[in-house]
């Protein structure tokens, strides 16, 4: 287990990776009968193959969301640590 705290897009990346792997297995299962010369699989497997592309898009959205959150966090940190403008001399 990791000690890192989950970021904004981590869950989307994990879900996208699982979808991609399910789609990749379905693609292999769909293509295999074509090479073996056996009966093609039902059309449901062809629809499952589309999970490969959808999973890639979901994972990409998670990466973009995570990058945007990190950029916002870096900007907030740099603004908080940046010195403020010159102050007017005090009249005492």
PDB file of N, CA and C in Angstrom:
ATOM      1  N   UNK A   1       0.844  -1.171   0.000  1.00  0.00           N
ATOM      2  CA  UNK A   1       0.000   0.000   0.000  1.00  0.00           C
ATOM      3  C   UNK A   1       0.890   1.235   0.000  1.00  0.00           C
ATOM      4  N   UNK A   2       0.384   2.279  -0.591  1.00  0.00           N
ATOM      5  CA  UNK A   2       1.122   3.526  -0.700  1.00  0.00           C
ATOM      6  C   UNK A   2       0.699   4.480   0.413  1.00  0.00           C
ATOM      7  N   UNK A   3       1.639   5.306   0.833  1.00  0.00           N
ATOM      8  CA  UNK A   3       1.338   6.309   1.852  1.00  0.00           C
ATOM      9  C   UNK A   3       0.811   7.600   1.239  1.00  0.00           C
ATOM     10  N   UNK A   4       0.773   7.672  -0.087  1.00  0.00           N
ATOM     11  CA  UNK A   4       0.330   8.895  -0.755  1.00  0.00           C
ATOM     12  C   UNK A   4      -1.176   9.071  -0.592  1.00  0.00           C
ATOM     13  N   UNK A   5      -1.590  10.323  -0.491  1.00  0.00           N
ATOM     14  CA  UNK A   5      -3.023  10.598  -0.458  1.00  0.00           C
ATOM     15  C   UNK A   5      -3.553  10.573  -1.879  1.00  0.00           C
ATOM     16  N   UNK A   6      -4.758  10.062  -2.082  1.00  0.00           N
ATOM     17  CA  UNK A   6      -5.305  10.001  -3.440  1.00  0.00           C
ATOM     18  C   UNK A   6      -5.518  11.396  -4.016  1.00  0.00           C
ATOM     19  N   UNK A   7      -5.149  11.564  -5.268  1.00  0.00           N
ATOM     20  CA  UNK A   7      -5.314  12.843  -5.952  1.00  0.00           C
ATOM     21  C   UNK A   7      -6.671  12.886  -6.653  1.00  0.00           C
ATOM     22  N   UNK A   8      -6.944  13.994  -7.307  1.00  0.00           N
ATOM     23  CA  UNK A   8      -8.261  14.239  -7.893  1.00  0.00           C
ATOM     24  C   UNK A   8      -8.637  13.212  -8.961  1.00  0.00           C
ATOM     25  N   UNK A   9      -7.735  12.836  -9.850  1.00  0.00           N
ATOM     26  CA  UNK A   9      -8.093  11.965 -10.953  1.00  0.00           C
ATOM     27  C   UNK A   9      -7.660  10.519 -10.798  1.00  0.00           C
ATOM     28  N   UNK A  10      -7.167  10.134  -9.624  1.00  0.00           N
ATOM     29  CA  UNK A  10      -6.656   8.777  -9.442  1.00  0.00           C
ATOM     30  C   UNK A  10      -7.722   7.714  -9.658  1.00  0.00           C
ATOM     31  N   UNK A  11      -8.919   7.946  -9.164  1.00  0.00           N
ATOM     32  CA  UNK A  11      -9.984   6.959  -9.314  1.00  0.00           C
ATOM     33  C   UNK A  11     -10.359   6.791 -10.784  1.00  0.00           C
ATOM     34  N   UNK A  12     -10.411   7.890 -11.521  1.00  0.00           N
ATOM     35  CA  UNK A  12     -10.716   7.792 -12.949  1.00  0.00           C
ATOM     36  C   UNK A  12      -9.644   7.013 -13.697  1.00  0.00           C
ATOM     37  N   UNK A  13      -8.398   7.201 -13.327  1.00  0.00           N
ATOM     38  CA  UNK A  13      -7.309   6.469 -13.982  1.00  0.00           C
ATOM     39  C   UNK A  13      -7.434   4.981 -13.699  1.00  0.00           C
ATOM     40  N   UNK A  14      -7.732   4.622 -12.468  1.00  0.00           N
ATOM     41  CA  UNK A  14      -7.878   3.204 -12.127  1.00  0.00           C
ATOM     42  C   UNK A  14      -9.064   2.576 -12.831  1.00  0.00           C
ATOM     43  N   UNK A  15     -10.198   3.255 -12.849  1.00  0.00           N
ATOM     44  CA  UNK A  15     -11.377   2.732 -13.537  1.00  0.00           C
ATOM     45  C   UNK A  15     -11.094   2.603 -15.029  1.00  0.00           C
ATOM     46  N   UNK A  16     -10.435   3.601 -15.602  1.00  0.00           N
ATOM     47  CA  UNK A  16     -10.093   3.552 -17.020  1.00  0.00           C
ATOM     48  C   UNK A  16      -9.149   2.413 -17.337  1.00  0.00           C
ATOM     49  N   UNK A  17      -8.201   2.141 -16.455  1.00  0.00           N
ATOM     50  CA  UNK A  17      -7.265   1.031 -16.679  1.00  0.00           C
ATOM     51  C   UNK A  17      -7.995  -0.308 -16.635  1.00  0.00           C
ATOM     52  N   UNK A  18      -8.920  -0.463 -15.718  1.00  0.00           N
ATOM     53  CA  UNK A  18      -9.696  -1.704 -15.632  1.00  0.00           C
ATOM     54  C   UNK A  18     -10.554  -1.873 -16.880  1.00  0.00           C
ATOM     55  N   UNK A  19     -11.204  -0.794 -17.301  1.00  0.00           N
ATOM     56  CA  UNK A  19     -12.020  -0.861 -18.522  1.00  0.00           C
ATOM     57  C   UNK A  19     -11.156  -1.228 -19.724  1.00  0.00           C
ATOM     58  N   UNK A  20      -9.974  -0.630 -19.814  1.00  0.00           N
ATOM     59  CA  UNK A  20      -9.072  -0.910 -20.925  1.00  0.00           C
ATOM     60  C   UNK A  20      -8.667  -2.380 -20.933  1.00  0.00           C
ATOM     61  N   UNK A  21      -8.321  -2.922 -19.762  1.00  0.00           N
ATOM     62  CA  UNK A  21      -7.910  -4.320 -19.692  1.00  0.00           C
ATOM     63  C   UNK A  21      -9.051  -5.271 -20.047  1.00  0.00           C
ATOM     64  N   UNK A  22     -10.265  -4.975 -19.594  1.00  0.00           N
ATOM     65  CA  UNK A  22     -11.413  -5.804 -19.958  1.00  0.00           C
ATOM     66  C   UNK A  22     -11.634  -5.749 -21.469  1.00  0.00           C
ATOM     67  N   UNK A  23     -11.506  -4.573 -22.049  1.00  0.00           N
ATOM     68  CA  UNK A  23     -11.645  -4.438 -23.494  1.00  0.00           C
ATOM     69  C   UNK A  23     -10.548  -5.159 -24.255  1.00  0.00           C
ATOM     70  N   UNK A  24      -9.327  -5.122 -23.723  1.00  0.00           N
ATOM     71  CA  UNK A  24      -8.216  -5.815 -24.379  1.00  0.00           C
ATOM     72  C   UNK A  24      -8.418  -7.328 -24.343  1.00  0.00           C
ATOM     73  N   UNK A  25      -8.886  -7.868 -23.219  1.00  0.00           N
ATOM     74  CA  UNK A  25      -9.154  -9.304 -23.129  1.00  0.00           C
ATOM     75  C   UNK A  25     -10.287  -9.687 -24.073  1.00  0.00           C
ATOM     76  N   UNK A  26     -11.319  -8.847 -24.135  1.00  0.00           N
ATOM     77  CA  UNK A  26     -12.427  -9.120 -25.058  1.00  0.00           C
ATOM     78  C   UNK A  26     -11.953  -9.071 -26.506  1.00  0.00           C
ATOM     79  N   UNK A  27     -11.048  -8.173 -26.812  1.00  0.00           N
ATOM     80  CA  UNK A  27     -10.508  -8.093 -28.174  1.00  0.00           C
ATOM     81  C   UNK A  27      -9.730  -9.356 -28.517  1.00  0.00           C
ATOM     82  N   UNK A  28      -8.905  -9.813 -27.591  1.00  0.00           N
ATOM     83  CA  UNK A  28      -8.160 -11.052 -27.822  1.00  0.00           C
ATOM     84  C   UNK A  28      -9.108 -12.244 -27.982  1.00  0.00           C
ATOM     85  N   UNK A  29     -10.148 -12.283 -27.148  1.00  0.00           N
ATOM     86  CA  UNK A  29     -11.111 -13.385 -27.240  1.00  0.00           C
ATOM     87  C   UNK A  29     -11.899 -13.322 -28.544  1.00  0.00           C
ATOM     88  N   UNK A  30     -12.126 -12.143 -29.068  1.00  0.00           N
ATOM     89  CA  UNK A  30     -12.884 -11.990 -30.306  1.00  0.00           C
ATOM     90  C   UNK A  30     -12.039 -12.336 -31.524  1.00  0.00           C
ATOM     91  N   UNK A  31     -10.771 -12.005 -31.482  1.00  0.00           N
ATOM     92  CA  UNK A  31      -9.895 -12.229 -32.632  1.00  0.00           C
ATOM     93  C   UNK A  31      -9.407 -13.677 -32.699  1.00  0.00           C
ATOM     94  N   UNK A  32      -9.275 -14.335 -31.564  1.00  0.00           N
ATOM     95  CA  UNK A  32      -8.732 -15.693 -31.522  1.00  0.00           C
ATOM     96  C   UNK A  32      -9.493 -16.678 -32.425  1.00  0.00           C
ATOM     97  N   UNK A  33     -10.839 -16.707 -32.408  1.00  0.00           N
ATOM     98  CA  UNK A  33     -11.532 -17.652 -33.302  1.00  0.00           C
ATOM     99  C   UNK A  33     -11.256 -17.397 -34.785  1.00  0.00           C
ATOM    100  N   UNK A  34     -10.926 -16.184 -35.147  1.00  0.00           N
ATOM    101  CA  UNK A  34     -10.627 -15.904 -36.547  1.00  0.00           C
ATOM    102  C   UNK A  34      -9.342 -16.597 -36.979  1.00  0.00           C
ATOM    103  N   UNK A  35      -8.363 -16.676 -36.073  1.00  0.00           N
ATOM    104  CA  UNK A  35      -7.100 -17.342 -36.393  1.00  0.00           C
ATOM    105  C   UNK A  35      -7.221 -18.863 -36.305  1.00  0.00           C
ATOM    106  N   UNK A  36      -8.097 -19.338 -35.414  1.00  0.00           N
ATOM    107  CA  UNK A  36      -8.245 -20.779 -35.228  1.00  0.00           C
ATOM    108  C   UNK A  36      -9.231 -21.397 -36.216  1.00  0.00           C
ATOM    109  N   UNK A  37      -9.987 -20.566 -36.910  1.00  0.00           N
ATOM    110  CA  UNK A  37     -10.959 -21.069 -37.869  1.00  0.00           C
ATOM    111  C   UNK A  37     -12.202 -21.650 -37.221  1.00  0.00           C
ATOM    112  N   UNK A  38     -12.487 -21.270 -36.000  1.00  0.00           N
ATOM    113  CA  UNK A  38     -13.674 -21.780 -35.304  1.00  0.00           C
ATOM    114  C   UNK A  38     -14.829 -20.793 -35.452  1.00  0.00           C
ATOM    115  N   UNK A  39     -15.917 -21.124 -34.820  1.00  0.00           N
ATOM    116  CA  UNK A  39     -17.124 -20.289 -34.866  1.00  0.00           C
ATOM    117  C   UNK A  39     -16.864 -18.950 -34.175  1.00  0.00           C
ATOM    118  N   UNK A  40     -17.236 -17.816 -34.802  1.00  0.00           N
ATOM    119  CA  UNK A  40     -17.039 -16.506 -34.153  1.00  0.00           C
ATOM    120  C   UNK A  40     -17.865 -16.386 -32.872  1.00  0.00           C
ATOM    121  N   UNK A  41     -17.387 -15.568 -31.971  1.00  0.00           N
ATOM    122  CA  UNK A  41     -18.082 -15.342 -30.705  1.00  0.00           C
ATOM    123  C   UNK A  41     -19.323 -14.476 -30.931  1.00  0.00           C
ATOM    124  N   UNK A  42     -20.247 -14.474 -29.972  1.00  0.00           N
ATOM    125  CA  UNK A  42     -21.454 -13.636 -30.100  1.00  0.00           C
ATOM    126  C   UNK A  42     -21.096 -12.149 -30.187  1.00  0.00           C
ATOM    127  N   UNK A  43     -22.032 -11.370 -30.673  1.00  0.00           N
ATOM    128  CA  UNK A  43     -21.779  -9.947 -30.898  1.00  0.00           C
ATOM    129  C   UNK A  43     -21.550  -9.170 -29.595  1.00  0.00           C
ATOM    130  N   UNK A  44     -21.914  -9.749 -28.466  1.00  0.00           N
ATOM    131  CA  UNK A  44     -21.677  -9.086 -27.173  1.00  0.00           C
ATOM    132  C   UNK A  44     -20.185  -8.845 -26.979  1.00  0.00           C
ATOM    133  N   UNK A  45     -19.356  -9.777 -27.419  1.00  0.00           N
ATOM    134  CA  UNK A  45     -17.911  -9.622 -27.273  1.00  0.00           C
ATOM    135  C   UNK A  45     -17.392  -8.472 -28.129  1.00  0.00           C
ATOM    136  N   UNK A  46     -18.011  -8.261 -29.278  1.00  0.00           N
ATOM    137  CA  UNK A  46     -17.597  -7.135 -30.111  1.00  0.00           C
ATOM    138  C   UNK A  46     -17.927  -5.810 -29.419  1.00  0.00           C
ATOM    139  N   UNK A  47     -19.052  -5.771 -28.725  1.00  0.00           N
ATOM    140  CA  UNK A  47     -19.396  -4.564 -27.963  1.00  0.00           C
ATOM    141  C   UNK A  47     -18.455  -4.378 -26.780  1.00  0.00           C
ATOM    142  N   UNK A  48     -18.040  -5.481 -26.151  1.00  0.00           N
ATOM    143  CA  UNK A  48     -17.094  -5.375 -25.035  1.00  0.00           C
ATOM    144  C   UNK A  48     -15.736  -4.857 -25.487  1.00  0.00           C
ATOM    145  N   UNK A  49     -15.402  -5.097 -26.754  1.00  0.00           N
ATOM    146  CA  UNK A  49     -14.121  -4.599 -27.276  1.00  0.00           C
ATOM    147  C   UNK A  49     -14.071  -3.071 -27.227  1.00  0.00           C
ATOM    148  N   UNK A  50     -15.231  -2.436 -27.283  1.00  0.00           N
ATOM    149  CA  UNK A  50     -15.266  -0.976 -27.260  1.00  0.00           C
ATOM    150  C   UNK A  50     -14.877  -0.410 -25.903  1.00  0.00           C
ATOM    151  N   UNK A  51     -14.856  -1.257 -24.886  1.00  0.00           N
ATOM    152  CA  UNK A  51     -14.398  -0.790 -23.575  1.00  0.00           C
ATOM    153  C   UNK A  51     -12.938  -0.388 -23.602  1.00  0.00           C
ATOM    154  N   UNK A  52     -12.188  -0.941 -24.535  1.00  0.00           N
ATOM    155  CA  UNK A  52     -10.772  -0.614 -24.631  1.00  0.00           C
ATOM    156  C   UNK A  52     -10.595   0.880 -24.922  1.00  0.00           C
ATOM    157  N   UNK A  53     -11.276   1.387 -25.915  1.00  0.00           N
ATOM    158  CA  UNK A  53     -11.188   2.812 -26.246  1.00  0.00           C
ATOM    159  C   UNK A  53     -11.815   3.687 -25.185  1.00  0.00           C
ATOM    160  N   UNK A  54     -12.959   3.250 -24.653  1.00  0.00           N
ATOM    161  CA  UNK A  54     -13.629   4.035 -23.612  1.00  0.00           C
ATOM    162  C   UNK A  54     -12.767   4.108 -22.350  1.00  0.00           C
ATOM    163  N   UNK A  55     -12.112   3.014 -22.005  1.00  0.00           N
ATOM    164  CA  UNK A  55     -11.230   3.008 -20.842  1.00  0.00           C
ATOM    165  C   UNK A  55     -10.054   3.941 -21.026  1.00  0.00           C
ATOM    166  N   UNK A  56      -9.525   3.980 -22.244  1.00  0.00           N
ATOM    167  CA  UNK A  56      -8.426   4.905 -22.528  1.00  0.00           C
ATOM    168  C   UNK A  56      -8.885   6.348 -22.337  1.00  0.00           C
ATOM    169  N   UNK A  57     -10.083   6.670 -22.810  1.00  0.00           N
ATOM    170  CA  UNK A  57     -10.598   8.041 -22.657  1.00  0.00           C
ATOM    171  C   UNK A  57     -10.848   8.391 -21.189  1.00  0.00           C
ATOM    172  N   UNK A  58     -11.374   7.451 -20.420  1.00  0.00           N
ATOM    173  CA  UNK A  58     -11.628   7.705 -18.995  1.00  0.00           C
ATOM    174  C   UNK A  58     -10.303   7.918 -18.259  1.00  0.00           C
ATOM    175  N   UNK A  59      -9.309   7.086 -18.567  1.00  0.00           N
ATOM    176  CA  UNK A  59      -7.999   7.246 -17.923  1.00  0.00           C
ATOM    177  C   UNK A  59      -7.350   8.569 -18.320  1.00  0.00           C
ATOM    178  N   UNK A  60      -7.482   8.959 -19.581  1.00  0.00           N
ATOM    179  CA  UNK A  60      -6.922  10.239 -20.027  1.00  0.00           C
ATOM    180  C   UNK A  60      -7.610  11.400 -19.312  1.00  0.00           C
ATOM    181  N   UNK A  61      -8.920  11.301 -19.117  1.00  0.00           N
ATOM    182  CA  UNK A  61      -9.640  12.345 -18.382  1.00  0.00           C
ATOM    183  C   UNK A  61      -9.146  12.423 -16.941  1.00  0.00           C
ATOM    184  N   UNK A  62      -8.843  11.284 -16.343  1.00  0.00           N
ATOM    185  CA  UNK A  62      -8.302  11.278 -14.981  1.00  0.00           C
ATOM    186  C   UNK A  62      -6.937  11.917 -14.903  1.00  0.00           C
ATOM    187  N   UNK A  63      -6.103  11.658 -15.905  1.00  0.00           N
ATOM    188  CA  UNK A  63      -4.767  12.267 -15.926  1.00  0.00           C
ATOM    189  C   UNK A  63      -4.879  13.783 -16.082  1.00  0.00           C
ATOM    190  N   UNK A  64      -5.769  14.225 -16.961  1.00  0.00           N
ATOM    191  CA  UNK A  64      -5.956  15.671 -17.167  1.00  0.00           C
ATOM    192  C   UNK A  64      -6.496  16.317 -15.895  1.00  0.00           C
ATOM    193  N   UNK A  65      -7.443  15.642 -15.235  1.00  0.00           N
ATOM    194  CA  UNK A  65      -8.006  16.197 -13.998  1.00  0.00           C
ATOM    195  C   UNK A  65      -6.941  16.280 -12.904  1.00  0.00           C
ATOM    196  N   UNK A  66      -6.114  15.254 -12.812  1.00  0.00           N
ATOM    197  CA  UNK A  66      -5.045  15.254 -11.812  1.00  0.00           C
ATOM    198  C   UNK A  66      -4.023  16.351 -12.094  1.00  0.00           C
ATOM    199  N   UNK A  67      -3.664  16.530 -13.365  1.00  0.00           N
ATOM    200  CA  UNK A  67      -2.702  17.574 -13.727  1.00  0.00           C
ATOM    201  C   UNK A  67      -3.264  18.956 -13.429  1.00  0.00           C
ATOM    202  N   UNK A  68      -4.550  19.160 -13.704  1.00  0.00           N
ATOM    203  CA  UNK A  68      -5.164  20.461 -13.426  1.00  0.00           C
ATOM    204  C   UNK A  68      -5.199  20.736 -11.920  1.00  0.00           C
ATOM    205  N   UNK A  69      -5.493  19.706 -11.135  1.00  0.00           N
ATOM    206  CA  UNK A  69      -5.519  19.896  -9.678  1.00  0.00           C
ATOM    207  C   UNK A  69      -4.122  20.203  -9.148  1.00  0.00           C
ATOM    208  N   UNK A  70      -3.110  19.534  -9.679  1.00  0.00           N
ATOM    209  CA  UNK A  70      -1.742  19.814  -9.237  1.00  0.00           C
ATOM    210  C   UNK A  70      -1.311  21.214  -9.637  1.00  0.00           C
ATOM    211  N   UNK A  71      -1.737  21.661 -10.820  1.00  0.00           N
ATOM    212  CA  UNK A  71      -1.380  23.014 -11.255  1.00  0.00           C
ATOM    213  C   UNK A  71      -2.051  24.055 -10.360  1.00  0.00           C
ATOM    214  N   UNK A  72      -3.338  23.830 -10.029  1.00  0.00           N
ATOM    215  CA  UNK A  72      -4.027  24.765  -9.128  1.00  0.00           C
ATOM    216  C   UNK A  72      -3.357  24.801  -7.761  1.00  0.00           C
ATOM    217  N   UNK A  73      -2.944  23.625  -7.271  1.00  0.00           N
ATOM    218  CA  UNK A  73      -2.270  23.563  -5.968  1.00  0.00           C
ATOM    219  C   UNK A  73      -0.924  24.278  -6.022  1.00  0.00           C
ATOM    220  N   UNK A  74      -0.183  24.119  -7.099  1.00  0.00           N
ATOM    221  CA  UNK A  74       1.115  24.791  -7.230  1.00  0.00           C
ATOM    222  C   UNK A  74       0.941  26.298  -7.324  1.00  0.00           C
ATOM    223  N   UNK A  75      -0.081  26.748  -8.051  1.00  0.00           N
ATOM    224  CA  UNK A  75      -0.333  28.188  -8.151  1.00  0.00           C
ATOM    225  C   UNK A  75      -0.728  28.766  -6.801  1.00  0.00           C
ATOM    226  N   UNK A  76      -1.544  28.042  -6.050  1.00  0.00           N
ATOM    227  CA  UNK A  76      -1.956  28.525  -4.732  1.00  0.00           C
ATOM    228  C   UNK A  76      -0.759  28.583  -3.786  1.00  0.00           C
ATOM    229  N   UNK A  77       0.125  27.620  -3.884  1.00  0.00           N
ATOM    230  CA  UNK A  77       1.313  27.606  -3.038  1.00  0.00           C
ATOM    231  C   UNK A  77       2.257  28.746  -3.396  1.00  0.00           C
ATOM    232  N   UNK A  78       2.425  28.988  -4.704  1.00  0.00           N
ATOM    233  CA  UNK A  78       3.332  30.056  -5.111  1.00  0.00           C
ATOM    234  C   UNK A  78       2.763  31.424  -4.772  1.00  0.00           C
ATOM    235  N   UNK A  79       1.454  31.581  -4.844  1.00  0.00           N
ATOM    236  CA  UNK A  79       0.846  32.865  -4.482  1.00  0.00           C
ATOM    237  C   UNK A  79       0.944  33.106  -2.980  1.00  0.00           C
ATOM    238  N   UNK A  80       0.825  32.048  -2.187  1.00  0.00           N
ATOM    239  CA  UNK A  80       0.894  32.202  -0.739  1.00  0.00           C
ATOM    240  C   UNK A  80       2.311  32.517  -0.277  1.00  0.00           C
ATOM    241  N   UNK A  81       3.310  31.985  -0.981  1.00  0.00           N
ATOM    242  CA  UNK A  81       4.693  32.204  -0.548  1.00  0.00           C
ATOM    243  C   UNK A  81       5.318  33.427  -1.204  1.00  0.00           C
ATOM    244  N   UNK A  82       4.689  33.982  -2.219  1.00  0.00           N
ATOM    245  CA  UNK A  82       5.249  35.162  -2.895  1.00  0.00           C
ATOM    246  C   UNK A  82       5.138  36.377  -1.986  1.00  0.00           C
ATOM    247  N   UNK A  83       6.182  37.178  -1.939  1.00  0.00           N
ATOM    248  CA  UNK A  83       6.107  38.389  -1.104  1.00  0.00           C
ATOM    249  C   UNK A  83       5.128  39.393  -1.720  1.00  0.00           C
ATOM    250  N   UNK A  84       4.465  40.092  -0.862  1.00  0.00           N
ATOM    251  CA  UNK A  84       3.523  41.098  -1.360  1.00  0.00           C
ATOM    252  C   UNK A  84       4.295  42.313  -1.875  1.00  0.00           C
ATOM    253  N   UNK A  85       3.610  43.195  -2.574  1.00  0.00           N
ATOM    254  CA  UNK A  85       4.237  44.379  -3.148  1.00  0.00           C
ATOM    255  C   UNK A  85       4.871  45.273  -2.108  1.00  0.00           C
ATOM    256  N   UNK A  86       5.605  46.296  -2.539  1.00  0.00           N
ATOM    257  CA  UNK A  86       6.260  47.186  -1.570  1.00  0.00           C
ATOM    258  C   UNK A  86       5.223  47.930  -0.749  1.00  0.00           C
ATOM    259  N   UNK A  87       5.492  48.002   0.525  1.00  0.00           N
ATOM    260  CA  UNK A  87       4.541  48.690   1.404  1.00  0.00           C
ATOM    261  C   UNK A  87       4.977  50.140   1.582  1.00  0.00           C
ATOM    262  N   UNK A  88       4.000  50.964   1.869  1.00  0.00           N
ATOM    263  CA  UNK A  88       4.288  52.391   2.067  1.00  0.00           C
ATOM    264  C   UNK A  88       5.009  52.574   3.404  1.00  0.00           C
ATOM    265  N   UNK A  89       5.959  53.498   3.462  1.00  0.00           N
ATOM    266  CA  UNK A  89       6.661  53.727   4.742  1.00  0.00           C
ATOM    267  C   UNK A  89       5.659  54.240   5.790  1.00  0.00           C
ATOM    268  N   UNK A  90       5.871  53.796   7.000  1.00  0.00           N
ATOM    269  CA  UNK A  90       4.976  54.242   8.059  1.00  0.00           C
ATOM    270  C   UNK A  90       5.363  55.652   8.531  1.00  0.00           C
ATOM    271  N   UNK A  91       4.370  56.431   8.842  1.00  0.00           N
ATOM    272  CA  UNK A  91       4.607  57.817   9.276  1.00  0.00           C
ATOM    273  C   UNK A  91       4.572  57.836  10.799  1.00  0.00           C
ATOM    274  N   UNK A  92       5.716  57.722  11.417  1.00  0.00           N
ATOM    275  CA  UNK A  92       5.784  57.820  12.881  1.00  0.00           C
ATOM    276  C   UNK A  92       6.628  58.956  13.315  1.00  0.00           C
TER     277      UNK A  92
END
